[in-house]
Amino acid sequence: MNEKIQTTAKRLVTLLVAHDFAGLEEWSQGVRLKREQMAEALNQYPGYFVMPPEPTVPYLDVVEVIDSSPKQWSVDIPLWTQEEGRSDLTMQVTMIESENEMMIVEIDDIHVL
């Protein structure tokens, strides 16, 4: 798996766990999900969100978007709570190749999968 995908996923979850919805919206440019929608998704779910155990790679569901230019991936990132460990809540994102250390991201949804 692309190391940049792993690094990007970890940073996304770090911001989400910190409830930095403004930072997530800024990074994703609010293309699909706004900060209020992200906050609502987390606030409706019972539990205190935490970072997943290391390594996170086995938990990511990554699908390359065929014939995309620049290259893109659809990535499902499961979220974890202190109370239950791996929760039913998943962050779905589109990651787009970039020249930077992190991918360009579009947060597609945060919902029970």
N, C-alpha and C. Protein backbone atom coordinates (compact mmCIF):
# COMPACT_ATOMS: atom_id res chain seq x y z
N MET A 1 0.84 -1.18 0.00
CA MET A 1 0.00 0.00 0.00
C MET A 1 0.88 1.24 0.00
N ASN A 2 0.42 2.24 -0.69
CA ASN A 2 1.12 3.51 -0.81
C ASN A 2 1.33 4.13 0.58
N GLU A 3 2.58 4.44 0.92
CA GLU A 3 2.90 5.02 2.23
C GLU A 3 2.22 6.37 2.44
N LYS A 4 2.05 7.10 1.36
CA LYS A 4 1.41 8.41 1.45
C LYS A 4 -0.06 8.27 1.86
N ILE A 5 -0.71 7.20 1.42
CA ILE A 5 -2.09 6.93 1.83
C ILE A 5 -2.15 6.69 3.33
N GLN A 6 -1.21 5.90 3.83
CA GLN A 6 -1.16 5.60 5.26
C GLN A 6 -0.93 6.87 6.08
N THR A 7 0.01 7.69 5.65
CA THR A 7 0.33 8.93 6.36
C THR A 7 -0.86 9.88 6.35
N THR A 8 -1.52 9.97 5.21
CA THR A 8 -2.69 10.85 5.08
C THR A 8 -3.83 10.36 5.97
N ALA A 9 -4.08 9.05 5.96
CA ALA A 9 -5.15 8.48 6.78
C ALA A 9 -4.90 8.74 8.27
N LYS A 10 -3.67 8.55 8.69
CA LYS A 10 -3.34 8.77 10.11
C LYS A 10 -3.55 10.23 10.49
N ARG A 11 -3.17 11.14 9.62
CA ARG A 11 -3.35 12.58 9.90
C ARG A 11 -4.84 12.94 9.96
N LEU A 12 -5.63 12.36 9.05
CA LEU A 12 -7.08 12.61 9.07
C LEU A 12 -7.70 12.17 10.39
N VAL A 13 -7.33 10.97 10.84
CA VAL A 13 -7.89 10.45 12.09
C VAL A 13 -7.41 11.28 13.28
N THR A 14 -6.16 11.72 13.25
CA THR A 14 -5.64 12.57 14.32
C THR A 14 -6.46 13.85 14.44
N LEU A 15 -6.77 14.47 13.33
CA LEU A 15 -7.59 15.69 13.35
C LEU A 15 -9.01 15.39 13.83
N LEU A 16 -9.56 14.27 13.39
CA LEU A 16 -10.92 13.90 13.78
C LEU A 16 -11.00 13.64 15.28
N VAL A 17 -10.04 12.87 15.81
CA VAL A 17 -10.02 12.56 17.25
C VAL A 17 -9.88 13.85 18.07
N ALA A 18 -9.13 14.82 17.55
CA ALA A 18 -8.95 16.10 18.23
C ALA A 18 -10.15 17.04 18.03
N HIS A 19 -11.15 16.58 17.29
CA HIS A 19 -12.32 17.39 16.96
C HIS A 19 -11.93 18.68 16.23
N ASP A 20 -10.88 18.58 15.44
CA ASP A 20 -10.44 19.74 14.64
C ASP A 20 -11.19 19.71 13.30
N PHE A 21 -12.49 19.95 13.39
CA PHE A 21 -13.33 19.90 12.19
C PHE A 21 -13.02 21.05 11.24
N ALA A 22 -12.60 22.17 11.79
CA ALA A 22 -12.20 23.30 10.94
C ALA A 22 -10.97 22.92 10.12
N GLY A 23 -10.01 22.25 10.75
CA GLY A 23 -8.81 21.81 10.05
C GLY A 23 -9.13 20.79 8.98
N LEU A 24 -10.06 19.87 9.28
CA LEU A 24 -10.47 18.87 8.29
C LEU A 24 -11.17 19.54 7.11
N GLU A 25 -12.03 20.50 7.41
CA GLU A 25 -12.75 21.19 6.34
C GLU A 25 -11.78 22.01 5.48
N GLU A 26 -10.82 22.65 6.13
CA GLU A 26 -9.83 23.44 5.38
C GLU A 26 -9.01 22.54 4.46
N TRP A 27 -8.55 21.39 4.98
CA TRP A 27 -7.74 20.47 4.19
C TRP A 27 -8.54 19.94 3.00
N SER A 28 -9.80 19.58 3.24
CA SER A 28 -10.63 19.01 2.17
C SER A 28 -11.36 20.09 1.37
N GLN A 29 -11.15 21.33 1.74
CA GLN A 29 -11.80 22.48 1.11
C GLN A 29 -13.32 22.37 1.17
N GLY A 30 -13.83 21.57 2.12
CA GLY A 30 -15.26 21.43 2.31
C GLY A 30 -15.99 20.94 1.07
N VAL A 31 -15.27 20.19 0.22
CA VAL A 31 -15.84 19.76 -1.07
C VAL A 31 -17.14 18.99 -0.88
N ARG A 32 -17.17 18.02 0.01
CA ARG A 32 -18.38 17.22 0.19
C ARG A 32 -18.98 17.37 1.58
N LEU A 33 -18.14 17.38 2.59
CA LEU A 33 -18.62 17.42 3.97
C LEU A 33 -18.11 18.67 4.66
N LYS A 34 -19.00 19.40 5.27
CA LYS A 34 -18.65 20.61 6.01
C LYS A 34 -18.35 20.25 7.46
N ARG A 35 -17.69 21.15 8.16
CA ARG A 35 -17.30 20.89 9.55
C ARG A 35 -18.50 20.58 10.44
N GLU A 36 -19.63 21.24 10.21
CA GLU A 36 -20.82 20.98 11.02
C GLU A 36 -21.33 19.56 10.83
N GLN A 37 -21.25 19.07 9.61
CA GLN A 37 -21.70 17.70 9.33
C GLN A 37 -20.77 16.67 9.97
N MET A 38 -19.47 16.96 9.97
CA MET A 38 -18.51 16.06 10.61
C MET A 38 -18.75 16.01 12.11
N ALA A 39 -18.94 17.18 12.71
CA ALA A 39 -19.18 17.27 14.16
C ALA A 39 -20.46 16.53 14.52
N GLU A 40 -21.49 16.70 13.73
CA GLU A 40 -22.77 16.04 13.99
C GLU A 40 -22.63 14.52 13.94
N ALA A 41 -21.90 14.01 12.96
CA ALA A 41 -21.70 12.57 12.83
C ALA A 41 -21.02 11.99 14.07
N LEU A 42 -20.00 12.68 14.58
CA LEU A 42 -19.30 12.19 15.77
C LEU A 42 -20.14 12.37 17.03
N ASN A 43 -20.84 13.49 17.13
CA ASN A 43 -21.63 13.75 18.33
C ASN A 43 -22.82 12.82 18.46
N GLN A 44 -23.32 12.30 17.37
CA GLN A 44 -24.46 11.39 17.42
C GLN A 44 -24.05 9.97 17.79
N TYR A 45 -22.77 9.68 17.69
CA TYR A 45 -22.28 8.33 17.97
C TYR A 45 -21.85 8.25 19.43
N PRO A 46 -22.32 7.24 20.15
CA PRO A 46 -21.93 7.13 21.56
C PRO A 46 -20.49 6.65 21.70
N GLY A 47 -19.70 7.42 22.38
CA GLY A 47 -18.32 6.98 22.60
C GLY A 47 -17.33 8.12 22.46
N TYR A 48 -16.16 7.89 23.03
CA TYR A 48 -15.06 8.84 23.00
C TYR A 48 -14.06 8.33 21.96
N PHE A 49 -13.88 9.08 20.88
CA PHE A 49 -13.03 8.63 19.78
C PHE A 49 -11.55 8.72 20.13
N VAL A 50 -10.82 7.68 19.74
CA VAL A 50 -9.39 7.56 20.03
C VAL A 50 -8.67 7.12 18.76
N MET A 51 -7.35 7.20 18.78
CA MET A 51 -6.54 6.72 17.67
C MET A 51 -6.59 5.19 17.63
N PRO A 52 -6.61 4.62 16.42
CA PRO A 52 -6.59 3.15 16.32
C PRO A 52 -5.22 2.61 16.72
N PRO A 53 -5.16 1.32 17.00
CA PRO A 53 -3.85 0.74 17.35
C PRO A 53 -2.92 0.77 16.15
N GLU A 54 -1.64 0.80 16.42
CA GLU A 54 -0.63 0.74 15.34
C GLU A 54 -0.38 -0.73 15.01
N PRO A 55 -0.08 -1.09 13.83
CA PRO A 55 -0.16 -0.26 12.63
C PRO A 55 -1.60 -0.16 12.14
N THR A 56 -1.93 0.94 11.49
CA THR A 56 -3.30 1.15 11.02
C THR A 56 -3.55 0.50 9.66
N VAL A 57 -2.51 0.12 8.96
CA VAL A 57 -2.62 -0.40 7.59
C VAL A 57 -3.65 -1.53 7.45
N PRO A 58 -3.68 -2.53 8.33
CA PRO A 58 -4.63 -3.62 8.11
C PRO A 58 -6.09 -3.17 8.15
N TYR A 59 -6.35 -2.01 8.72
CA TYR A 59 -7.73 -1.56 8.89
C TYR A 59 -8.23 -0.71 7.73
N LEU A 60 -7.35 -0.24 6.88
CA LEU A 60 -7.76 0.61 5.77
C LEU A 60 -8.28 -0.23 4.61
N ASP A 61 -9.39 0.23 4.02
CA ASP A 61 -9.92 -0.40 2.82
C ASP A 61 -9.66 0.57 1.67
N VAL A 62 -8.72 0.22 0.80
CA VAL A 62 -8.25 1.12 -0.25
C VAL A 62 -8.58 0.54 -1.62
N VAL A 63 -9.25 1.35 -2.44
CA VAL A 63 -9.58 0.94 -3.80
C VAL A 63 -9.12 2.04 -4.75
N GLU A 64 -8.27 1.66 -5.70
CA GLU A 64 -7.80 2.64 -6.69
C GLU A 64 -8.93 2.97 -7.65
N VAL A 65 -9.07 4.26 -7.95
CA VAL A 65 -10.05 4.71 -8.93
C VAL A 65 -9.39 4.56 -10.30
N ILE A 66 -9.91 3.65 -11.08
CA ILE A 66 -9.32 3.32 -12.39
C ILE A 66 -9.41 4.51 -13.34
N ASP A 67 -8.36 4.69 -14.12
CA ASP A 67 -8.27 5.72 -15.16
C ASP A 67 -8.43 7.15 -14.62
N SER A 68 -8.08 7.37 -13.37
CA SER A 68 -8.16 8.72 -12.82
C SER A 68 -6.86 9.45 -13.08
N SER A 69 -6.97 10.73 -13.33
CA SER A 69 -5.78 11.55 -13.55
C SER A 69 -6.02 12.93 -12.92
N PRO A 70 -5.27 13.26 -11.89
CA PRO A 70 -4.23 12.48 -11.22
C PRO A 70 -4.81 11.24 -10.53
N LYS A 71 -3.93 10.33 -10.14
CA LYS A 71 -4.36 9.09 -9.50
C LYS A 71 -5.18 9.38 -8.24
N GLN A 72 -6.23 8.57 -8.06
CA GLN A 72 -7.11 8.72 -6.91
C GLN A 72 -7.41 7.37 -6.30
N TRP A 73 -7.73 7.40 -5.01
CA TRP A 73 -8.11 6.20 -4.28
C TRP A 73 -9.33 6.51 -3.42
N SER A 74 -10.23 5.55 -3.34
CA SER A 74 -11.33 5.61 -2.40
C SER A 74 -10.88 4.85 -1.16
N VAL A 75 -10.91 5.51 -0.01
CA VAL A 75 -10.36 4.92 1.21
C VAL A 75 -11.40 4.96 2.32
N ASP A 76 -11.69 3.79 2.89
CA ASP A 76 -12.55 3.69 4.08
C ASP A 76 -11.64 3.55 5.29
N ILE A 77 -11.82 4.46 6.25
CA ILE A 77 -11.00 4.47 7.45
C ILE A 77 -11.91 4.19 8.64
N PRO A 78 -11.82 3.00 9.25
CA PRO A 78 -12.65 2.72 10.42
C PRO A 78 -12.20 3.58 11.61
N LEU A 79 -13.16 3.99 12.40
CA LEU A 79 -12.87 4.81 13.57
C LEU A 79 -12.98 3.97 14.84
N TRP A 80 -12.27 4.40 15.87
CA TRP A 80 -12.18 3.65 17.12
C TRP A 80 -12.68 4.50 18.29
N THR A 81 -13.33 3.83 19.25
CA THR A 81 -13.73 4.53 20.47
C THR A 81 -13.06 3.86 21.66
N GLN A 82 -12.94 4.62 22.71
CA GLN A 82 -12.33 4.11 23.94
C GLN A 82 -13.18 2.96 24.50
N GLU A 83 -14.49 3.08 24.35
CA GLU A 83 -15.40 2.11 24.96
C GLU A 83 -15.46 0.78 24.22
N GLU A 84 -15.42 0.81 22.88
CA GLU A 84 -15.64 -0.42 22.14
C GLU A 84 -14.50 -0.84 21.22
N GLY A 85 -13.43 -0.06 21.17
CA GLY A 85 -12.38 -0.37 20.20
C GLY A 85 -12.86 0.02 18.82
N ARG A 86 -12.71 -0.88 17.86
CA ARG A 86 -13.16 -0.57 16.50
C ARG A 86 -14.68 -0.38 16.51
N SER A 87 -15.09 0.78 16.06
CA SER A 87 -16.52 1.11 16.07
C SER A 87 -17.14 0.79 14.72
N ASP A 88 -18.44 1.05 14.60
CA ASP A 88 -19.15 0.87 13.33
C ASP A 88 -19.02 2.11 12.45
N LEU A 89 -18.46 3.17 13.00
CA LEU A 89 -18.36 4.42 12.26
C LEU A 89 -17.12 4.42 11.36
N THR A 90 -17.31 4.87 10.13
CA THR A 90 -16.23 4.88 9.15
C THR A 90 -16.15 6.24 8.48
N MET A 91 -14.93 6.71 8.27
CA MET A 91 -14.71 7.92 7.49
C MET A 91 -14.36 7.47 6.08
N GLN A 92 -15.15 7.92 5.12
CA GLN A 92 -14.90 7.60 3.72
C GLN A 92 -14.30 8.83 3.05
N VAL A 93 -13.14 8.63 2.43
CA VAL A 93 -12.46 9.75 1.78
C VAL A 93 -11.99 9.36 0.38
N THR A 94 -11.84 10.37 -0.44
CA THR A 94 -11.16 10.22 -1.72
C THR A 94 -9.81 10.88 -1.55
N MET A 95 -8.75 10.14 -1.85
CA MET A 95 -7.40 10.69 -1.78
C MET A 95 -6.89 10.87 -3.20
N ILE A 96 -6.31 12.03 -3.45
CA ILE A 96 -5.83 12.39 -4.78
C ILE A 96 -4.33 12.65 -4.70
N GLU A 97 -3.59 12.06 -5.60
CA GLU A 97 -2.13 12.21 -5.62
C GLU A 97 -1.75 13.68 -5.69
N SER A 98 -0.70 14.01 -4.97
CA SER A 98 -0.19 15.38 -4.99
C SER A 98 1.33 15.34 -4.88
N GLU A 99 1.95 16.48 -5.08
CA GLU A 99 3.40 16.61 -4.95
C GLU A 99 3.83 16.71 -3.49
N ASN A 100 2.89 16.97 -2.60
CA ASN A 100 3.18 17.19 -1.19
C ASN A 100 3.33 15.87 -0.44
N GLU A 101 3.68 15.99 0.84
CA GLU A 101 3.83 14.83 1.72
C GLU A 101 2.49 14.13 1.93
N MET A 102 1.41 14.89 1.92
CA MET A 102 0.07 14.36 2.12
C MET A 102 -0.72 14.42 0.82
N MET A 103 -1.70 13.53 0.73
CA MET A 103 -2.60 13.53 -0.42
C MET A 103 -3.56 14.72 -0.32
N ILE A 104 -4.14 15.09 -1.43
CA ILE A 104 -5.30 15.98 -1.43
C ILE A 104 -6.47 15.09 -1.01
N VAL A 105 -7.33 15.59 -0.13
CA VAL A 105 -8.43 14.75 0.34
C VAL A 105 -9.78 15.43 0.11
N GLU A 106 -10.76 14.58 -0.11
CA GLU A 106 -12.17 14.97 -0.12
C GLU A 106 -12.84 14.03 0.85
N ILE A 107 -13.44 14.57 1.90
CA ILE A 107 -14.11 13.72 2.89
C ILE A 107 -15.51 13.48 2.37
N ASP A 108 -15.76 12.24 1.97
CA ASP A 108 -17.02 11.90 1.33
C ASP A 108 -18.14 11.70 2.34
N ASP A 109 -17.83 11.06 3.47
CA ASP A 109 -18.88 10.79 4.45
C ASP A 109 -18.24 10.27 5.74
N ILE A 110 -18.99 10.39 6.82
CA ILE A 110 -18.67 9.76 8.09
C ILE A 110 -19.97 9.12 8.54
N HIS A 111 -20.01 7.78 8.51
CA HIS A 111 -21.27 7.11 8.81
C HIS A 111 -21.03 5.67 9.25
N VAL A 112 -22.10 5.04 9.73
CA VAL A 112 -22.03 3.64 10.11
C VAL A 112 -21.96 2.82 8.84
N LEU A 113 -20.99 1.94 8.78
CA LEU A 113 -20.80 1.13 7.59
C LEU A 113 -21.27 -0.28 7.85
